[in-house]
C-alpha atoms as a PDB file:
ATOM      1  CA  UNK A   1      81.247 206.093 293.872  1.00  0.00           C
ATOM      2  CA  UNK A   2      77.732 205.961 295.306  1.00  0.00           C
ATOM      3  CA  UNK A   3      75.719 208.203 293.009  1.00  0.00           C
ATOM      4  CA  UNK A   4      75.949 208.663 289.268  1.00  0.00           C
ATOM      5  CA  UNK A   5      77.846 211.728 288.054  1.00  0.00           C
ATOM      6  CA  UNK A   6      76.376 214.188 285.576  1.00  0.00           C
ATOM      7  CA  UNK A   7      76.284 212.978 281.987  1.00  0.00           C
ATOM      8  CA  UNK A   8      79.530 214.104 280.356  1.00  0.00           C
ATOM      9  CA  UNK A   9      81.572 214.039 283.574  1.00  0.00           C
ATOM     10  CA  UNK A  10      85.038 212.550 283.280  1.00  0.00           C
ATOM     11  CA  UNK A  11      85.618 209.558 285.529  1.00  0.00           C
ATOM     12  CA  UNK A  12      88.331 206.989 286.115  1.00  0.00           C
ATOM     13  CA  UNK A  13      87.497 203.306 285.723  1.00  0.00           C
ATOM     14  CA  UNK A  14      89.966 201.871 288.227  1.00  0.00           C
ATOM     15  CA  UNK A  15      89.420 198.317 286.941  1.00  0.00           C
ATOM     16  CA  UNK A  16      90.746 199.338 283.501  1.00  0.00           C
ATOM     17  CA  UNK A  17      92.851 202.323 284.625  1.00  0.00           C
ATOM     18  CA  UNK A  18      91.136 204.344 281.902  1.00  0.00           C
ATOM     19  CA  UNK A  19      89.463 207.743 281.833  1.00  0.00           C
ATOM     20  CA  UNK A  20      86.018 207.878 280.289  1.00  0.00           C
ATOM     21  CA  UNK A  21      83.104 210.222 279.832  1.00  0.00           C
ATOM     22  CA  UNK A  22      80.033 209.106 281.773  1.00  0.00           C
ATOM     23  CA  UNK A  23      77.156 208.455 279.329  1.00  0.00           C
ATOM     24  CA  UNK A  24      74.491 206.879 281.522  1.00  0.00           C
ATOM     25  CA  UNK A  25      73.393 203.793 283.422  1.00  0.00           C
ATOM     26  CA  UNK A  26      71.911 200.561 282.153  1.00  0.00           C
ATOM     27  CA  UNK A  27      71.108 197.433 284.211  1.00  0.00           C
ATOM     28  CA  UNK A  28      73.309 198.554 287.097  1.00  0.00           C
ATOM     29  CA  UNK A  29      76.348 199.177 284.906  1.00  0.00           C
ATOM     30  CA  UNK A  30      77.643 202.594 283.870  1.00  0.00           C
ATOM     31  CA  UNK A  31      78.358 203.346 280.230  1.00  0.00           C
ATOM     32  CA  UNK A  32      81.630 205.159 279.592  1.00  0.00           C
ATOM     33  CA  UNK A  33      83.097 206.550 276.389  1.00  0.00           C
ATOM     34  CA  UNK A  34      86.815 207.101 275.753  1.00  0.00           C
ATOM     35  CA  UNK A  35      87.552 210.823 275.605  1.00  0.00           C
ATOM     36  CA  UNK A  36      89.679 210.465 272.473  1.00  0.00           C
ATOM     37  CA  UNK A  37      87.082 208.406 270.619  1.00  0.00           C
ATOM     38  CA  UNK A  38      86.506 204.708 270.350  1.00  0.00           C
ATOM     39  CA  UNK A  39      84.145 202.065 271.576  1.00  0.00           C
ATOM     40  CA  UNK A  40      82.086 202.651 274.715  1.00  0.00           C
ATOM     41  CA  UNK A  41      82.402 200.198 277.579  1.00  0.00           C
ATOM     42  CA  UNK A  42      80.431 199.380 280.691  1.00  0.00           C
ATOM     43  CA  UNK A  43      81.833 199.515 284.189  1.00  0.00           C
ATOM     44  CA  UNK A  44      80.788 198.545 287.684  1.00  0.00           C
ATOM     45  CA  UNK A  45      80.048 201.776 289.606  1.00  0.00           C
ATOM     46  CA  UNK A  46      82.164 200.467 292.499  1.00  0.00           C
ATOM     47  CA  UNK A  47      85.250 200.826 290.266  1.00  0.00           C
ATOM     48  CA  UNK A  48      84.540 204.433 289.326  1.00  0.00           C
ATOM     49  CA  UNK A  49      85.900 207.626 290.819  1.00  0.00           C
ATOM     50  CA  UNK A  50      85.791 211.201 289.577  1.00  0.00           C
ATOM     51  CA  UNK A  51      88.806 212.156 287.487  1.00  0.00           C
ATOM     52  CA  UNK A  52      91.343 214.440 289.132  1.00  0.00           C
ATOM     53  CA  UNK A  53      92.186 217.839 287.656  1.00  0.00           C
ATOM     54  CA  UNK A  54      95.388 216.408 286.162  1.00  0.00           C
ATOM     55  CA  UNK A  55      93.488 213.502 284.589  1.00  0.00           C
ATOM     56  CA  UNK A  56      90.873 215.873 283.147  1.00  0.00           C
ATOM     57  CA  UNK A  57      93.588 218.072 281.626  1.00  0.00           C
ATOM     58  CA  UNK A  58      95.322 215.058 280.058  1.00  0.00           C
ATOM     59  CA  UNK A  59      92.002 213.815 278.687  1.00  0.00           C
ATOM     60  CA  UNK A  60      91.290 217.231 277.174  1.00  0.00           C
ATOM     61  CA  UNK A  61      94.687 217.215 275.487  1.00  0.00           C
ATOM     62  CA  UNK A  62      94.098 213.692 274.142  1.00  0.00           C
ATOM     63  CA  UNK A  63      90.715 214.785 272.743  1.00  0.00           C
ATOM     64  CA  UNK A  64      92.211 217.888 271.096  1.00  0.00           C
ATOM     65  CA  UNK A  65      95.005 215.809 269.549  1.00  0.00           C
ATOM     66  CA  UNK A  66      92.551 213.236 268.199  1.00  0.00           C
ATOM     67  CA  UNK A  67      90.382 215.981 266.732  1.00  0.00           C
ATOM     68  CA  UNK A  68      93.442 217.625 265.086  1.00  0.00           C
ATOM     69  CA  UNK A  69      94.265 214.296 263.439  1.00  0.00           C
ATOM     70  CA  UNK A  70      90.736 214.173 262.013  1.00  0.00           C
ATOM     71  CA  UNK A  71      89.669 211.173 264.089  1.00  0.00           C
ATOM     72  CA  UNK A  72      85.965 210.664 264.642  1.00  0.00           C
ATOM     73  CA  UNK A  73      85.055 211.438 268.238  1.00  0.00           C
END
């Protein structure tokens, strides 16, 4: 992906095969946050692509399930 997505956009880190919420850029790396909570990680922008509709729906379900269990997001 050449340009940074909007903050909050869901993206796929192909190096980790994990969906994350784009949080910003620092020192050439992109900061991503798991949609169902957890520790942020950094990723090389070359390994990032926008999440598909199916991936976004799954991520939304994971977030809703985590919230229903009372997990901190």
